[in-house]
Amino acid sequence: MTKNEIVNILEEKHQELFNLIENQRDEKWLEGPENKWKFGQHVLHLADSIQLLNNALSYPKFILKYKFGKSNRETRSYDVVAKKYIEKLAANQERAKQFNIKLKAPSLNEKTFLVNKLKVQNKKLQYKTNKWKDKNLNNLLIPHPLMGRMTVREIIMWTAYHTAHHTQILKEKY
C-alpha cells in the first residue's frame, strides 16, 4: 500500500467513525453492553492509541532503529495485518482485556474534546505518513502490545484497521 493509499484509508476509516458519532444521541456516549466498554471508551481508546503512535513517530529515526531494530522481512499488506490482528485478538482475549481494564469512562462533557483530539491525531498521522521516506516506513520497527514488532508502515495500516474494527463494534452493539 502506497503512502497516499494509507493516508486515504486513514481518512476514510476515521470519517466513517466521525459520521457514526455525529449521528448518535448524546446519551449513547455513556451506554454500552454489560461488562463491555461504553461508547465513549472506544473513542478514548482510539484517541490514546493514535496519539501514542504519533509520539513514537516523533522520535528521531536513529533512536527507533537503535531501540527496536530494523525489519528483516517484506512489509505485510493491509489485509494480512488485519487478519493477523484478528487472530491475535481471538487468541489473547484475556490479555487484551487486562491491557485496557483501567480505561476510564469519559463523561459527556469530554465528548467534544475527545472527538476533536482524535481528529487532530488522525491528521497528524496522515501528515507524518506523507513525510516519512518509504525506506524508513518499510524498515524501521515499532512494538505493538499485542502484535509484537511491526514496521512503521504496518502499524499505520493497522491504525486504519483498528479504527474500522471499533467502528464496526459500535455499529453492531450500540
N, C-alpha and C. Protein backbone atom coordinates (compact mmCIF):
# COMPACT_ATOMS: atom_id res chain seq x y z
N MET A 1 0.84 -1.16 0.00
CA MET A 1 0.00 0.00 0.00
C MET A 1 0.89 1.24 0.00
N THR A 2 0.64 2.14 -0.91
CA THR A 2 1.45 3.36 -1.00
C THR A 2 1.10 4.31 0.14
N LYS A 3 1.96 5.32 0.34
CA LYS A 3 1.68 6.32 1.38
C LYS A 3 0.34 7.00 1.11
N ASN A 4 0.09 7.34 -0.14
CA ASN A 4 -1.15 8.01 -0.49
C ASN A 4 -2.36 7.12 -0.18
N GLU A 5 -2.25 5.85 -0.49
CA GLU A 5 -3.35 4.91 -0.19
C GLU A 5 -3.56 4.78 1.32
N ILE A 6 -2.48 4.78 2.07
CA ILE A 6 -2.59 4.69 3.53
C ILE A 6 -3.29 5.93 4.09
N VAL A 7 -2.87 7.10 3.61
CA VAL A 7 -3.50 8.35 4.07
C VAL A 7 -4.99 8.33 3.73
N ASN A 8 -5.32 7.86 2.54
CA ASN A 8 -6.73 7.81 2.13
C ASN A 8 -7.54 6.85 3.00
N ILE A 9 -6.97 5.70 3.33
CA ILE A 9 -7.72 4.74 4.14
C ILE A 9 -7.84 5.22 5.59
N LEU A 10 -6.81 5.90 6.08
CA LEU A 10 -6.91 6.51 7.41
C LEU A 10 -8.07 7.51 7.44
N GLU A 11 -8.13 8.35 6.42
CA GLU A 11 -9.19 9.36 6.35
C GLU A 11 -10.56 8.69 6.23
N GLU A 12 -10.66 7.71 5.37
CA GLU A 12 -11.94 7.02 5.15
C GLU A 12 -12.45 6.33 6.41
N LYS A 13 -11.58 5.58 7.09
CA LYS A 13 -12.00 4.83 8.27
C LYS A 13 -12.34 5.77 9.43
N HIS A 14 -11.59 6.84 9.57
CA HIS A 14 -11.90 7.79 10.64
C HIS A 14 -13.17 8.58 10.32
N GLN A 15 -13.35 8.95 9.08
CA GLN A 15 -14.56 9.68 8.71
C GLN A 15 -15.81 8.85 8.97
N GLU A 16 -15.73 7.57 8.71
CA GLU A 16 -16.85 6.68 8.99
C GLU A 16 -17.18 6.69 10.49
N LEU A 17 -16.16 6.68 11.32
CA LEU A 17 -16.36 6.76 12.77
C LEU A 17 -16.96 8.11 13.16
N PHE A 18 -16.42 9.20 12.62
CA PHE A 18 -16.92 10.53 12.97
C PHE A 18 -18.38 10.69 12.55
N ASN A 19 -18.74 10.14 11.41
CA ASN A 19 -20.14 10.19 10.97
C ASN A 19 -21.04 9.43 11.94
N LEU A 20 -20.58 8.28 12.39
CA LEU A 20 -21.34 7.48 13.35
C LEU A 20 -21.54 8.27 14.65
N ILE A 21 -20.48 8.89 15.14
CA ILE A 21 -20.55 9.67 16.38
C ILE A 21 -21.55 10.82 16.23
N GLU A 22 -21.46 11.54 15.11
CA GLU A 22 -22.36 12.68 14.87
C GLU A 22 -23.82 12.26 14.83
N ASN A 23 -24.11 11.04 14.36
CA ASN A 23 -25.48 10.59 14.21
C ASN A 23 -26.03 9.89 15.46
N GLN A 24 -25.25 9.85 16.53
CA GLN A 24 -25.69 9.24 17.78
C GLN A 24 -26.22 10.32 18.73
N ARG A 25 -27.24 9.97 19.47
CA ARG A 25 -27.71 10.86 20.53
C ARG A 25 -26.62 10.91 21.61
N ASP A 26 -26.53 12.05 22.28
CA ASP A 26 -25.51 12.22 23.32
C ASP A 26 -25.58 11.14 24.40
N GLU A 27 -26.79 10.67 24.71
CA GLU A 27 -26.95 9.65 25.75
C GLU A 27 -26.19 8.37 25.41
N LYS A 28 -26.03 8.08 24.12
CA LYS A 28 -25.33 6.86 23.69
C LYS A 28 -23.87 6.85 24.13
N TRP A 29 -23.30 8.05 24.28
CA TRP A 29 -21.90 8.19 24.69
C TRP A 29 -21.62 7.44 25.99
N LEU A 30 -22.62 7.39 26.86
CA LEU A 30 -22.46 6.81 28.18
C LEU A 30 -22.97 5.37 28.27
N GLU A 31 -23.44 4.82 27.15
CA GLU A 31 -24.03 3.49 27.16
C GLU A 31 -23.08 2.44 26.59
N GLY A 32 -23.38 1.20 26.93
CA GLY A 32 -22.64 0.08 26.38
C GLY A 32 -23.18 -1.22 26.96
N PRO A 33 -22.88 -2.32 26.29
CA PRO A 33 -23.32 -3.62 26.81
C PRO A 33 -22.70 -3.89 28.18
N GLU A 34 -23.36 -4.72 28.96
CA GLU A 34 -22.86 -5.04 30.30
C GLU A 34 -21.47 -5.67 30.22
N ASN A 35 -20.59 -5.22 31.08
CA ASN A 35 -19.20 -5.70 31.16
C ASN A 35 -18.40 -5.41 29.89
N LYS A 36 -18.85 -4.45 29.13
CA LYS A 36 -18.13 -4.03 27.92
C LYS A 36 -17.90 -2.52 28.02
N TRP A 37 -17.03 -2.03 27.15
CA TRP A 37 -16.79 -0.59 27.13
C TRP A 37 -18.03 0.18 26.75
N LYS A 38 -18.12 1.38 27.29
CA LYS A 38 -19.16 2.32 26.87
C LYS A 38 -18.71 2.94 25.55
N PHE A 39 -19.62 3.54 24.83
CA PHE A 39 -19.33 4.16 23.53
C PHE A 39 -18.12 5.10 23.65
N GLY A 40 -18.15 5.96 24.66
CA GLY A 40 -17.07 6.94 24.84
C GLY A 40 -15.72 6.31 25.09
N GLN A 41 -15.71 5.15 25.72
CA GLN A 41 -14.43 4.47 25.98
C GLN A 41 -13.78 4.01 24.68
N HIS A 42 -14.56 3.62 23.72
CA HIS A 42 -13.99 3.24 22.43
C HIS A 42 -13.28 4.43 21.80
N VAL A 43 -13.91 5.59 21.84
CA VAL A 43 -13.32 6.80 21.26
C VAL A 43 -12.07 7.19 22.02
N LEU A 44 -12.12 7.13 23.34
CA LEU A 44 -10.94 7.43 24.16
C LEU A 44 -9.79 6.48 23.82
N HIS A 45 -10.09 5.21 23.71
CA HIS A 45 -9.08 4.20 23.38
C HIS A 45 -8.43 4.51 22.02
N LEU A 46 -9.24 4.84 21.03
CA LEU A 46 -8.70 5.15 19.70
C LEU A 46 -7.85 6.42 19.72
N ALA A 47 -8.32 7.44 20.44
CA ALA A 47 -7.56 8.69 20.53
C ALA A 47 -6.21 8.46 21.22
N ASP A 48 -6.22 7.70 22.31
CA ASP A 48 -4.97 7.41 23.03
C ASP A 48 -4.02 6.57 22.17
N SER A 49 -4.58 5.60 21.47
CA SER A 49 -3.78 4.70 20.63
C SER A 49 -3.06 5.47 19.52
N ILE A 50 -3.79 6.31 18.83
CA ILE A 50 -3.18 7.04 17.71
C ILE A 50 -2.20 8.11 18.22
N GLN A 51 -2.48 8.67 19.41
CA GLN A 51 -1.55 9.64 19.98
C GLN A 51 -0.23 8.97 20.35
N LEU A 52 -0.31 7.76 20.90
CA LEU A 52 0.93 7.02 21.23
C LEU A 52 1.76 6.77 19.98
N LEU A 53 1.09 6.40 18.89
CA LEU A 53 1.82 6.17 17.64
C LEU A 53 2.45 7.47 17.14
N ASN A 54 1.70 8.56 17.17
CA ASN A 54 2.26 9.84 16.73
C ASN A 54 3.45 10.24 17.58
N ASN A 55 3.37 9.99 18.88
CA ASN A 55 4.51 10.29 19.76
C ASN A 55 5.73 9.47 19.35
N ALA A 56 5.51 8.18 19.09
CA ALA A 56 6.63 7.31 18.69
C ALA A 56 7.23 7.79 17.37
N LEU A 57 6.40 8.23 16.44
CA LEU A 57 6.90 8.68 15.14
C LEU A 57 7.60 10.03 15.22
N SER A 58 7.51 10.68 16.37
CA SER A 58 8.19 11.97 16.57
C SER A 58 9.63 11.79 17.02
N TYR A 59 9.97 10.59 17.47
CA TYR A 59 11.35 10.32 17.88
C TYR A 59 12.26 10.33 16.65
N PRO A 60 13.52 10.71 16.85
CA PRO A 60 14.45 10.60 15.72
C PRO A 60 14.53 9.15 15.24
N LYS A 61 14.64 8.98 13.96
CA LYS A 61 14.62 7.64 13.37
C LYS A 61 15.75 6.77 13.89
N PHE A 62 16.91 7.36 14.16
CA PHE A 62 18.03 6.55 14.65
C PHE A 62 17.72 5.96 16.04
N ILE A 63 16.90 6.66 16.82
CA ILE A 63 16.53 6.12 18.14
C ILE A 63 15.59 4.93 17.96
N LEU A 64 14.63 5.05 17.05
CA LEU A 64 13.72 3.93 16.78
C LEU A 64 14.52 2.72 16.30
N LYS A 65 15.47 2.98 15.41
CA LYS A 65 16.31 1.89 14.89
C LYS A 65 17.12 1.25 16.00
N TYR A 66 17.72 2.07 16.87
CA TYR A 66 18.53 1.56 17.96
C TYR A 66 17.68 0.78 18.97
N LYS A 67 16.53 1.33 19.31
CA LYS A 67 15.69 0.73 20.35
C LYS A 67 14.92 -0.50 19.88
N PHE A 68 14.41 -0.48 18.64
CA PHE A 68 13.53 -1.56 18.18
C PHE A 68 14.05 -2.34 16.98
N GLY A 69 15.07 -1.84 16.31
CA GLY A 69 15.68 -2.57 15.22
C GLY A 69 15.08 -2.29 13.86
N LYS A 70 15.60 -3.07 12.89
CA LYS A 70 15.17 -2.97 11.50
C LYS A 70 14.51 -4.27 11.10
N SER A 71 13.59 -4.16 10.18
CA SER A 71 12.88 -5.33 9.69
C SER A 71 13.79 -6.18 8.80
N ASN A 72 13.61 -7.49 8.89
CA ASN A 72 14.37 -8.40 8.03
C ASN A 72 13.43 -9.17 7.10
N ARG A 73 12.26 -8.59 6.85
CA ARG A 73 11.26 -9.25 6.01
C ARG A 73 10.53 -8.20 5.19
N GLU A 74 9.73 -8.67 4.26
CA GLU A 74 8.89 -7.79 3.45
C GLU A 74 7.75 -7.24 4.32
N THR A 75 7.34 -6.03 4.03
CA THR A 75 6.21 -5.44 4.73
C THR A 75 4.93 -6.17 4.34
N ARG A 76 4.12 -6.48 5.33
CA ARG A 76 2.86 -7.17 5.08
C ARG A 76 1.81 -6.19 4.54
N SER A 77 0.83 -6.74 3.83
CA SER A 77 -0.24 -5.92 3.26
C SER A 77 -1.26 -5.56 4.34
N TYR A 78 -2.14 -4.63 4.02
CA TYR A 78 -3.22 -4.23 4.92
C TYR A 78 -4.06 -5.45 5.33
N ASP A 79 -4.44 -6.26 4.34
CA ASP A 79 -5.28 -7.43 4.62
C ASP A 79 -4.58 -8.44 5.52
N VAL A 80 -3.29 -8.63 5.31
CA VAL A 80 -2.53 -9.58 6.15
C VAL A 80 -2.41 -9.03 7.57
N VAL A 81 -2.14 -7.73 7.70
CA VAL A 81 -2.05 -7.11 9.03
C VAL A 81 -3.38 -7.24 9.76
N ALA A 82 -4.48 -6.97 9.07
CA ALA A 82 -5.82 -7.06 9.67
C ALA A 82 -6.11 -8.50 10.11
N LYS A 83 -5.81 -9.46 9.26
CA LYS A 83 -6.06 -10.87 9.57
C LYS A 83 -5.23 -11.31 10.78
N LYS A 84 -3.98 -10.92 10.80
CA LYS A 84 -3.10 -11.27 11.92
C LYS A 84 -3.61 -10.65 13.23
N TYR A 85 -4.11 -9.42 13.16
CA TYR A 85 -4.66 -8.76 14.35
C TYR A 85 -5.88 -9.51 14.88
N ILE A 86 -6.78 -9.89 13.99
CA ILE A 86 -7.97 -10.64 14.38
C ILE A 86 -7.58 -11.95 15.06
N GLU A 87 -6.59 -12.65 14.48
CA GLU A 87 -6.12 -13.91 15.05
C GLU A 87 -5.51 -13.69 16.44
N LYS A 88 -4.66 -12.68 16.57
CA LYS A 88 -4.01 -12.39 17.85
C LYS A 88 -5.04 -11.99 18.90
N LEU A 89 -6.02 -11.19 18.49
CA LEU A 89 -7.06 -10.75 19.41
C LEU A 89 -7.88 -11.94 19.90
N ALA A 90 -8.23 -12.84 18.99
CA ALA A 90 -9.00 -14.03 19.36
C ALA A 90 -8.21 -14.94 20.30
N ALA A 91 -6.92 -15.05 20.07
CA ALA A 91 -6.08 -15.93 20.87
C ALA A 91 -5.67 -15.32 22.21
N ASN A 92 -5.86 -14.02 22.35
CA ASN A 92 -5.38 -13.32 23.55
C ASN A 92 -6.47 -12.44 24.18
N GLN A 93 -7.70 -12.94 24.23
CA GLN A 93 -8.81 -12.15 24.77
C GLN A 93 -8.53 -11.66 26.19
N GLU A 94 -8.04 -12.51 27.02
CA GLU A 94 -7.80 -12.14 28.41
C GLU A 94 -6.69 -11.09 28.52
N ARG A 95 -5.65 -11.25 27.74
CA ARG A 95 -4.55 -10.29 27.73
C ARG A 95 -5.03 -8.94 27.24
N ALA A 96 -5.84 -8.94 26.19
CA ALA A 96 -6.38 -7.69 25.65
C ALA A 96 -7.27 -7.01 26.68
N LYS A 97 -8.06 -7.81 27.39
CA LYS A 97 -8.96 -7.27 28.41
C LYS A 97 -8.15 -6.61 29.53
N GLN A 98 -7.09 -7.28 29.97
CA GLN A 98 -6.25 -6.76 31.05
C GLN A 98 -5.52 -5.48 30.63
N PHE A 99 -5.15 -5.42 29.35
CA PHE A 99 -4.41 -4.26 28.86
C PHE A 99 -5.25 -2.98 28.98
N ASN A 100 -6.55 -3.10 28.82
CA ASN A 100 -7.41 -1.92 28.80
C ASN A 100 -8.41 -1.87 29.95
N ILE A 101 -8.20 -2.64 31.00
CA ILE A 101 -9.17 -2.74 32.08
C ILE A 101 -9.35 -1.42 32.83
N LYS A 102 -8.33 -0.62 32.89
CA LYS A 102 -8.38 0.62 33.66
C LYS A 102 -8.82 1.83 32.84
N LEU A 103 -9.29 1.59 31.64
CA LEU A 103 -9.70 2.71 30.78
C LEU A 103 -10.94 3.38 31.38
N LYS A 104 -10.79 4.65 31.73
CA LYS A 104 -11.91 5.35 32.37
C LYS A 104 -13.02 5.62 31.35
N ALA A 105 -14.20 5.79 31.86
CA ALA A 105 -15.35 6.13 31.01
C ALA A 105 -15.45 7.65 30.94
N PRO A 106 -15.20 8.22 29.77
CA PRO A 106 -15.26 9.68 29.66
C PRO A 106 -16.69 10.20 29.81
N SER A 107 -16.79 11.35 30.44
CA SER A 107 -18.11 11.96 30.64
C SER A 107 -18.59 12.58 29.33
N LEU A 108 -19.84 12.94 29.33
CA LEU A 108 -20.43 13.61 28.17
C LEU A 108 -19.75 14.95 27.92
N ASN A 109 -19.29 15.60 29.00
CA ASN A 109 -18.58 16.89 28.86
C ASN A 109 -17.26 16.73 28.10
N GLU A 110 -16.71 15.53 28.11
CA GLU A 110 -15.43 15.27 27.44
C GLU A 110 -15.59 14.86 25.98
N LYS A 111 -16.81 14.63 25.55
CA LYS A 111 -17.07 14.11 24.21
C LYS A 111 -16.46 14.98 23.11
N THR A 112 -16.77 16.26 23.10
CA THR A 112 -16.27 17.15 22.05
C THR A 112 -14.75 17.18 22.05
N PHE A 113 -14.16 17.26 23.25
CA PHE A 113 -12.70 17.28 23.36
C PHE A 113 -12.09 16.01 22.76
N LEU A 114 -12.64 14.85 23.13
CA LEU A 114 -12.08 13.59 22.65
C LEU A 114 -12.25 13.40 21.15
N VAL A 115 -13.39 13.77 20.63
CA VAL A 115 -13.61 13.65 19.18
C VAL A 115 -12.63 14.58 18.45
N ASN A 116 -12.47 15.79 18.95
CA ASN A 116 -11.51 16.72 18.32
C ASN A 116 -10.08 16.21 18.45
N LYS A 117 -9.75 15.63 19.59
CA LYS A 117 -8.42 15.06 19.79
C LYS A 117 -8.16 13.96 18.76
N LEU A 118 -9.14 13.09 18.55
CA LEU A 118 -9.00 12.01 17.58
C LEU A 118 -8.84 12.57 16.17
N LYS A 119 -9.60 13.61 15.84
CA LYS A 119 -9.49 14.24 14.51
C LYS A 119 -8.10 14.82 14.30
N VAL A 120 -7.60 15.52 15.30
CA VAL A 120 -6.26 16.13 15.21
C VAL A 120 -5.19 15.05 15.10
N GLN A 121 -5.28 14.03 15.92
CA GLN A 121 -4.28 12.96 15.89
C GLN A 121 -4.30 12.23 14.55
N ASN A 122 -5.47 12.03 13.99
CA ASN A 122 -5.58 11.39 12.68
C ASN A 122 -4.89 12.24 11.61
N LYS A 123 -5.13 13.54 11.63
CA LYS A 123 -4.48 14.44 10.65
C LYS A 123 -2.96 14.45 10.84
N LYS A 124 -2.52 14.43 12.10
CA LYS A 124 -1.08 14.38 12.37
C LYS A 124 -0.47 13.10 11.79
N LEU A 125 -1.16 11.99 11.98
CA LEU A 125 -0.65 10.72 11.47
C LEU A 125 -0.59 10.73 9.94
N GLN A 126 -1.59 11.29 9.31
CA GLN A 126 -1.58 11.40 7.85
C GLN A 126 -0.40 12.26 7.39
N TYR A 127 -0.17 13.37 8.07
CA TYR A 127 0.94 14.26 7.73
C TYR A 127 2.27 13.53 7.90
N LYS A 128 2.43 12.87 9.05
CA LYS A 128 3.69 12.16 9.31
C LYS A 128 3.92 11.04 8.30
N THR A 129 2.85 10.34 7.94
CA THR A 129 2.97 9.26 6.95
C THR A 129 3.52 9.80 5.65
N ASN A 130 3.01 10.93 5.21
CA ASN A 130 3.49 11.53 3.96
C ASN A 130 4.92 12.02 4.05
N LYS A 131 5.36 12.42 5.24
CA LYS A 131 6.71 12.97 5.41
C LYS A 131 7.79 11.89 5.50
N TRP A 132 7.41 10.71 5.94
CA TRP A 132 8.40 9.64 6.10
C TRP A 132 8.79 9.09 4.73
N LYS A 133 10.05 8.71 4.60
CA LYS A 133 10.52 8.06 3.37
C LYS A 133 10.04 6.62 3.37
N ASP A 134 9.76 6.11 2.17
CA ASP A 134 9.29 4.72 2.05
C ASP A 134 10.26 3.74 2.68
N LYS A 135 11.53 3.99 2.52
CA LYS A 135 12.56 3.11 3.08
C LYS A 135 12.39 2.97 4.60
N ASN A 136 12.17 4.09 5.27
CA ASN A 136 12.00 4.07 6.72
C ASN A 136 10.67 3.45 7.13
N LEU A 137 9.63 3.72 6.37
CA LEU A 137 8.32 3.11 6.66
C LEU A 137 8.41 1.59 6.61
N ASN A 138 9.20 1.08 5.69
CA ASN A 138 9.32 -0.37 5.48
C ASN A 138 10.36 -1.04 6.35
N ASN A 139 11.34 -0.29 6.84
CA ASN A 139 12.45 -0.91 7.57
C ASN A 139 12.41 -0.73 9.07
N LEU A 140 11.97 0.42 9.54
CA LEU A 140 12.00 0.67 10.98
C LEU A 140 10.84 -0.03 11.67
N LEU A 141 11.11 -0.51 12.87
CA LEU A 141 10.12 -1.27 13.64
C LEU A 141 9.63 -0.48 14.84
N ILE A 142 8.38 -0.74 15.20
CA ILE A 142 7.76 -0.17 16.41
C ILE A 142 7.01 -1.32 17.08
N PRO A 143 7.08 -1.41 18.41
CA PRO A 143 6.37 -2.51 19.08
C PRO A 143 4.88 -2.22 19.23
N HIS A 144 4.10 -3.26 19.07
CA HIS A 144 2.66 -3.22 19.32
C HIS A 144 2.40 -4.15 20.50
N PRO A 145 1.56 -3.75 21.46
CA PRO A 145 1.39 -4.57 22.67
C PRO A 145 0.83 -5.97 22.42
N LEU A 146 0.13 -6.17 21.35
CA LEU A 146 -0.46 -7.48 21.07
C LEU A 146 0.24 -8.18 19.90
N MET A 147 0.65 -7.41 18.92
CA MET A 147 1.18 -7.98 17.67
C MET A 147 2.70 -8.09 17.64
N GLY A 148 3.36 -7.52 18.63
CA GLY A 148 4.82 -7.54 18.60
C GLY A 148 5.36 -6.43 17.70
N ARG A 149 6.60 -6.58 17.28
CA ARG A 149 7.20 -5.53 16.47
C ARG A 149 6.64 -5.56 15.04
N MET A 150 6.31 -4.37 14.57
CA MET A 150 5.75 -4.21 13.23
C MET A 150 6.51 -3.08 12.54
N THR A 151 6.56 -3.13 11.21
CA THR A 151 7.16 -2.00 10.52
C THR A 151 6.26 -0.78 10.73
N VAL A 152 6.82 0.38 10.56
CA VAL A 152 6.04 1.61 10.72
C VAL A 152 4.87 1.62 9.73
N ARG A 153 5.11 1.20 8.50
CA ARG A 153 4.03 1.14 7.51
C ARG A 153 2.90 0.21 7.99
N GLU A 154 3.28 -0.94 8.54
CA GLU A 154 2.27 -1.90 9.02
C GLU A 154 1.46 -1.33 10.18
N ILE A 155 2.13 -0.66 11.11
CA ILE A 155 1.40 -0.16 12.28
C ILE A 155 0.49 1.01 11.90
N ILE A 156 0.87 1.76 10.89
CA ILE A 156 -0.03 2.83 10.41
C ILE A 156 -1.23 2.21 9.70
N MET A 157 -1.00 1.18 8.90
CA MET A 157 -2.13 0.48 8.27
C MET A 157 -3.01 -0.17 9.34
N TRP A 158 -2.38 -0.74 10.37
CA TRP A 158 -3.13 -1.33 11.46
C TRP A 158 -4.02 -0.29 12.13
N THR A 159 -3.53 0.94 12.26
CA THR A 159 -4.31 2.02 12.87
C THR A 159 -5.61 2.25 12.11
N ALA A 160 -5.53 2.21 10.79
CA ALA A 160 -6.75 2.35 9.98
C ALA A 160 -7.69 1.18 10.24
N TYR A 161 -7.14 -0.02 10.27
CA TYR A 161 -7.98 -1.19 10.54
C TYR A 161 -8.55 -1.15 11.95
N HIS A 162 -7.75 -0.75 12.91
CA HIS A 162 -8.16 -0.66 14.31
C HIS A 162 -9.38 0.27 14.45
N THR A 163 -9.34 1.38 13.76
CA THR A 163 -10.46 2.31 13.77
C THR A 163 -11.70 1.65 13.16
N ALA A 164 -11.52 0.98 12.03
CA ALA A 164 -12.64 0.29 11.38
C ALA A 164 -13.20 -0.80 12.30
N HIS A 165 -12.33 -1.51 12.99
CA HIS A 165 -12.72 -2.58 13.91
C HIS A 165 -13.64 -2.03 15.02
N HIS A 166 -13.22 -0.93 15.64
CA HIS A 166 -14.03 -0.33 16.71
C HIS A 166 -15.30 0.30 16.16
N THR A 167 -15.24 0.87 14.98
CA THR A 167 -16.45 1.43 14.37
C THR A 167 -17.47 0.33 14.14
N GLN A 168 -17.02 -0.82 13.67
CA GLN A 168 -17.92 -1.95 13.44
C GLN A 168 -18.56 -2.43 14.75
N ILE A 169 -17.76 -2.50 15.80
CA ILE A 169 -18.28 -2.89 17.13
C ILE A 169 -19.36 -1.90 17.56
N LEU A 170 -19.07 -0.61 17.40
CA LEU A 170 -20.03 0.41 17.80
C LEU A 170 -21.33 0.31 16.99
N LYS A 171 -21.22 0.03 15.71
CA LYS A 171 -22.42 -0.11 14.88
C LYS A 171 -23.25 -1.32 15.30
N GLU A 172 -22.60 -2.41 15.63
CA GLU A 172 -23.30 -3.65 15.95
C GLU A 172 -23.88 -3.66 17.37
N LYS A 173 -23.16 -3.11 18.32
CA LYS A 173 -23.55 -3.29 19.71
C LYS A 173 -24.15 -2.05 20.37
N TYR A 174 -24.08 -0.91 19.71
CA TYR A 174 -24.53 0.31 20.36
C TYR A 174 -25.64 0.94 19.56
